[in-house]
């Protein structure tokens, strides 16, 4: 199985908690004005890479305990990313997975009812930063996100409770402004 990649980045401290590696996917339908990664929008660009090769590259760093799937829009390649997450978590028990999406959690839940890949990627996620970037709501004081509409969702707690549970990380930065 292959992923269309825009790139891999190691040692990030801005794309989720702790030091982590980031998988940037290629292709995005949202085209948010002011997007931080506009080069990832074109689904015809990027490089197709076997998920086993992506896993091999990510696993070379034994100090990283977190991975982030960003984009582009990761849920356009949900099945391949869910398979990559399973490979990584099998090799690194306790691996923390953060996923960024321009879709809302509610939209992804709806999509997961018809798409097994979306359901599997959500189930593999620890945190979801959801919602499109809205330039009019830009706020650089927010942790791990760029606009006030975006949420940091604790996915396992949300799945268990049947309602959206915001991570404690969602409130960092917000409290500093209040």
Protein backbone atom coordinates (compact mmCIF):
# COMPACT_ATOMS: atom_id res chain seq x y z
CA UNK A 1 0.00 0.00 0.00
CA UNK A 2 1.31 3.45 -0.89
CA UNK A 3 0.93 6.98 0.43
CA UNK A 4 1.17 10.16 -1.60
CA UNK A 5 3.64 12.15 0.50
CA UNK A 6 4.54 15.81 0.52
CA UNK A 7 7.35 15.02 2.95
CA UNK A 8 8.55 13.76 6.31
CA UNK A 9 9.90 15.97 9.07
CA UNK A 10 11.67 14.80 12.22
CA UNK A 11 12.08 16.49 15.59
CA UNK A 12 9.00 18.73 15.48
CA UNK A 13 7.80 20.33 18.70
CA UNK A 14 4.94 22.34 17.14
CA UNK A 15 2.82 19.57 15.57
CA UNK A 16 1.64 17.83 18.73
CA UNK A 17 2.89 17.07 22.24
CA UNK A 18 6.54 16.20 22.73
CA UNK A 19 9.22 15.63 20.14
CA UNK A 20 7.68 13.92 17.15
CA UNK A 21 7.99 13.08 13.50
CA UNK A 22 5.48 14.46 11.00
CA UNK A 23 4.10 12.78 7.89
CA UNK A 24 2.87 15.45 5.47
CA UNK A 25 0.37 13.99 3.03
CA UNK A 26 -0.18 15.34 -0.47
CA UNK A 27 -3.61 16.46 -1.66
CA UNK A 28 -6.20 18.66 0.02
CA UNK A 29 -9.73 19.63 -1.04
CA UNK A 30 -10.08 22.46 1.49
CA UNK A 31 -7.73 25.07 -0.04
CA UNK A 32 -8.01 27.24 3.08
CA UNK A 33 -6.95 30.85 2.39
CA UNK A 34 -3.75 31.47 4.35
CA UNK A 35 -2.95 27.74 4.63
CA UNK A 36 0.45 27.03 6.15
CA UNK A 37 1.10 24.20 3.63
CA UNK A 38 -0.38 25.32 0.27
CA UNK A 39 2.21 23.23 -1.60
CA UNK A 40 0.39 20.12 -0.33
CA UNK A 41 -2.95 20.94 -2.00
CA UNK A 42 -2.33 19.46 -5.47
CA UNK A 43 -3.15 15.72 -5.37
CA UNK A 44 -1.12 15.19 -8.56
CA UNK A 45 2.06 16.39 -6.85
CA UNK A 46 4.01 14.57 -4.14
CA UNK A 47 5.76 11.22 -4.16
CA UNK A 48 4.09 7.81 -3.88
CA UNK A 49 5.91 5.76 -1.23
CA UNK A 50 5.18 2.32 0.22
CA UNK A 51 3.96 2.57 3.82
CA UNK A 52 6.60 0.03 4.85
CA UNK A 53 9.28 2.45 3.63
CA UNK A 54 7.66 5.38 5.46
CA UNK A 55 7.54 3.27 8.63
CA UNK A 56 11.19 2.28 8.19
CA UNK A 57 12.23 5.94 7.90
CA UNK A 58 10.17 6.98 10.92
CA UNK A 59 11.42 4.11 13.07
CA UNK A 60 15.10 5.01 12.55
CA UNK A 61 14.77 7.55 15.38
CA UNK A 62 14.35 5.59 18.60
CA UNK A 63 13.82 8.78 20.68
CA UNK A 64 10.60 9.91 19.03
CA UNK A 65 7.47 8.68 20.78
CA UNK A 66 4.97 10.69 18.77
CA UNK A 67 3.92 10.84 15.14
CA UNK A 68 1.72 13.45 13.49
CA UNK A 69 -0.20 13.01 10.26
CA UNK A 70 -0.70 16.39 8.63
CA UNK A 71 -1.16 17.63 5.13
CA UNK A 72 -2.63 18.14 2.84
CA UNK A 73 -5.66 16.32 4.17
CA UNK A 74 -4.74 13.04 5.87
CA UNK A 75 -8.27 11.64 5.65
CA UNK A 76 -8.02 11.58 1.85
CA UNK A 77 -5.59 8.69 2.43
CA UNK A 78 -7.21 7.32 5.57
CA UNK A 79 -6.85 3.61 4.78
CA UNK A 80 -3.11 3.86 4.02
CA UNK A 81 -2.48 6.07 7.07
CA UNK A 82 -4.44 3.70 9.31
CA UNK A 83 -2.24 0.86 8.03
CA UNK A 84 0.88 2.97 8.66
CA UNK A 85 -0.35 3.77 12.19
CA UNK A 86 -0.86 0.05 12.86
CA UNK A 87 2.68 -0.74 11.64
CA UNK A 88 4.18 2.01 13.79
CA UNK A 89 2.20 1.17 16.91
CA UNK A 90 3.15 -2.51 16.58
CA UNK A 91 6.83 -1.50 16.62
CA UNK A 92 6.53 1.26 19.23
CA UNK A 93 3.99 0.39 21.92
CA UNK A 94 2.65 3.58 23.48
CA UNK A 95 3.25 5.63 20.34
CA UNK A 96 1.17 8.82 20.42
CA UNK A 97 -0.63 9.75 17.18
CA UNK A 98 -1.89 13.24 16.40
CA UNK A 99 -3.86 13.86 13.20
CA UNK A 100 -4.68 17.23 11.64
CA UNK A 101 -7.78 17.54 9.48
CA UNK A 102 -9.67 20.32 7.77
CA UNK A 103 -12.80 18.26 8.39
CA UNK A 104 -14.59 18.53 11.72
CA UNK A 105 -14.84 15.54 14.03
CA UNK A 106 -18.56 15.42 13.31
CA UNK A 107 -17.91 15.25 9.55
CA UNK A 108 -15.34 12.50 10.07
CA UNK A 109 -17.74 10.50 12.24
CA UNK A 110 -20.32 10.73 9.45
CA UNK A 111 -17.72 9.71 6.86
CA UNK A 112 -16.60 6.80 9.05
CA UNK A 113 -20.07 5.27 8.81
CA UNK A 114 -19.44 4.60 5.11
CA UNK A 115 -15.64 4.44 4.96
CA UNK A 116 -13.72 1.85 6.97
CA UNK A 117 -10.41 3.68 6.42
CA UNK A 118 -11.74 6.81 8.12
CA UNK A 119 -13.08 4.74 11.02
CA UNK A 120 -9.73 2.93 11.40
CA UNK A 121 -7.69 6.16 11.29
CA UNK A 122 -9.93 7.82 13.87
CA UNK A 123 -9.66 4.75 16.11
CA UNK A 124 -5.84 4.84 15.83
CA UNK A 125 -5.66 8.56 16.72
CA UNK A 126 -4.93 9.93 20.16
CA UNK A 127 -5.52 13.58 19.28
CA UNK A 128 -7.36 15.18 16.39
CA UNK A 129 -6.89 18.83 15.53
CA UNK A 130 -10.03 19.40 13.51
CA UNK A 131 -11.58 22.06 11.34
CA UNK A 132 -10.39 24.23 8.49
CA UNK A 133 -7.93 27.04 9.05
CA UNK A 134 -9.95 30.27 9.04
CA UNK A 135 -7.78 33.28 8.36
CA UNK A 136 -10.31 35.61 10.03
CA UNK A 137 -9.95 33.59 13.26
CA UNK A 138 -6.14 33.39 13.17
CA UNK A 139 -4.65 33.21 16.66
CA UNK A 140 -0.98 32.39 17.04
CA UNK A 141 -1.28 32.05 20.83
CA UNK A 142 -3.18 28.77 20.43
CA UNK A 143 -1.28 25.56 20.99
CA UNK A 144 -0.87 23.33 17.89
CA UNK A 145 -3.42 25.21 15.79
CA UNK A 146 -3.76 28.42 13.87
CA UNK A 147 -7.37 29.56 14.17
CA UNK A 148 -9.88 29.75 17.00
CA UNK A 149 -12.41 27.40 15.39
CA UNK A 150 -9.99 24.48 15.45
CA UNK A 151 -10.22 22.04 18.34
CA UNK A 152 -7.82 19.60 19.98
CA UNK A 153 -9.95 16.53 20.53
CA UNK A 154 -9.12 13.57 22.76
CA UNK A 155 -10.23 10.89 20.32
CA UNK A 156 -10.22 7.81 22.61
CA UNK A 157 -12.24 9.68 25.25
CA UNK A 158 -14.63 10.99 22.59
CA UNK A 159 -15.18 7.53 21.12
CA UNK A 160 -15.72 6.05 24.60
CA UNK A 161 -18.16 8.75 25.75
CA UNK A 162 -20.01 9.17 22.46
CA UNK A 163 -19.50 12.94 22.57
CA UNK A 164 -16.63 15.30 21.81
CA UNK A 165 -14.09 15.53 24.61
CA UNK A 166 -11.61 18.34 24.23
CA UNK A 167 -8.07 17.60 25.31
CA UNK A 168 -6.66 19.61 28.19
CA UNK A 169 -4.19 20.86 25.56
CA UNK A 170 -7.08 22.66 23.82
CA UNK A 171 -7.21 25.15 26.67
CA UNK A 172 -3.50 26.01 26.75
CA UNK A 173 -2.93 29.41 25.19
CA UNK A 174 -6.63 30.20 25.57
CA UNK A 175 -6.16 30.59 29.33
CA UNK A 176 -3.07 32.75 28.80
CA UNK A 177 -5.21 35.23 26.82
CA UNK A 178 -8.15 35.29 29.23
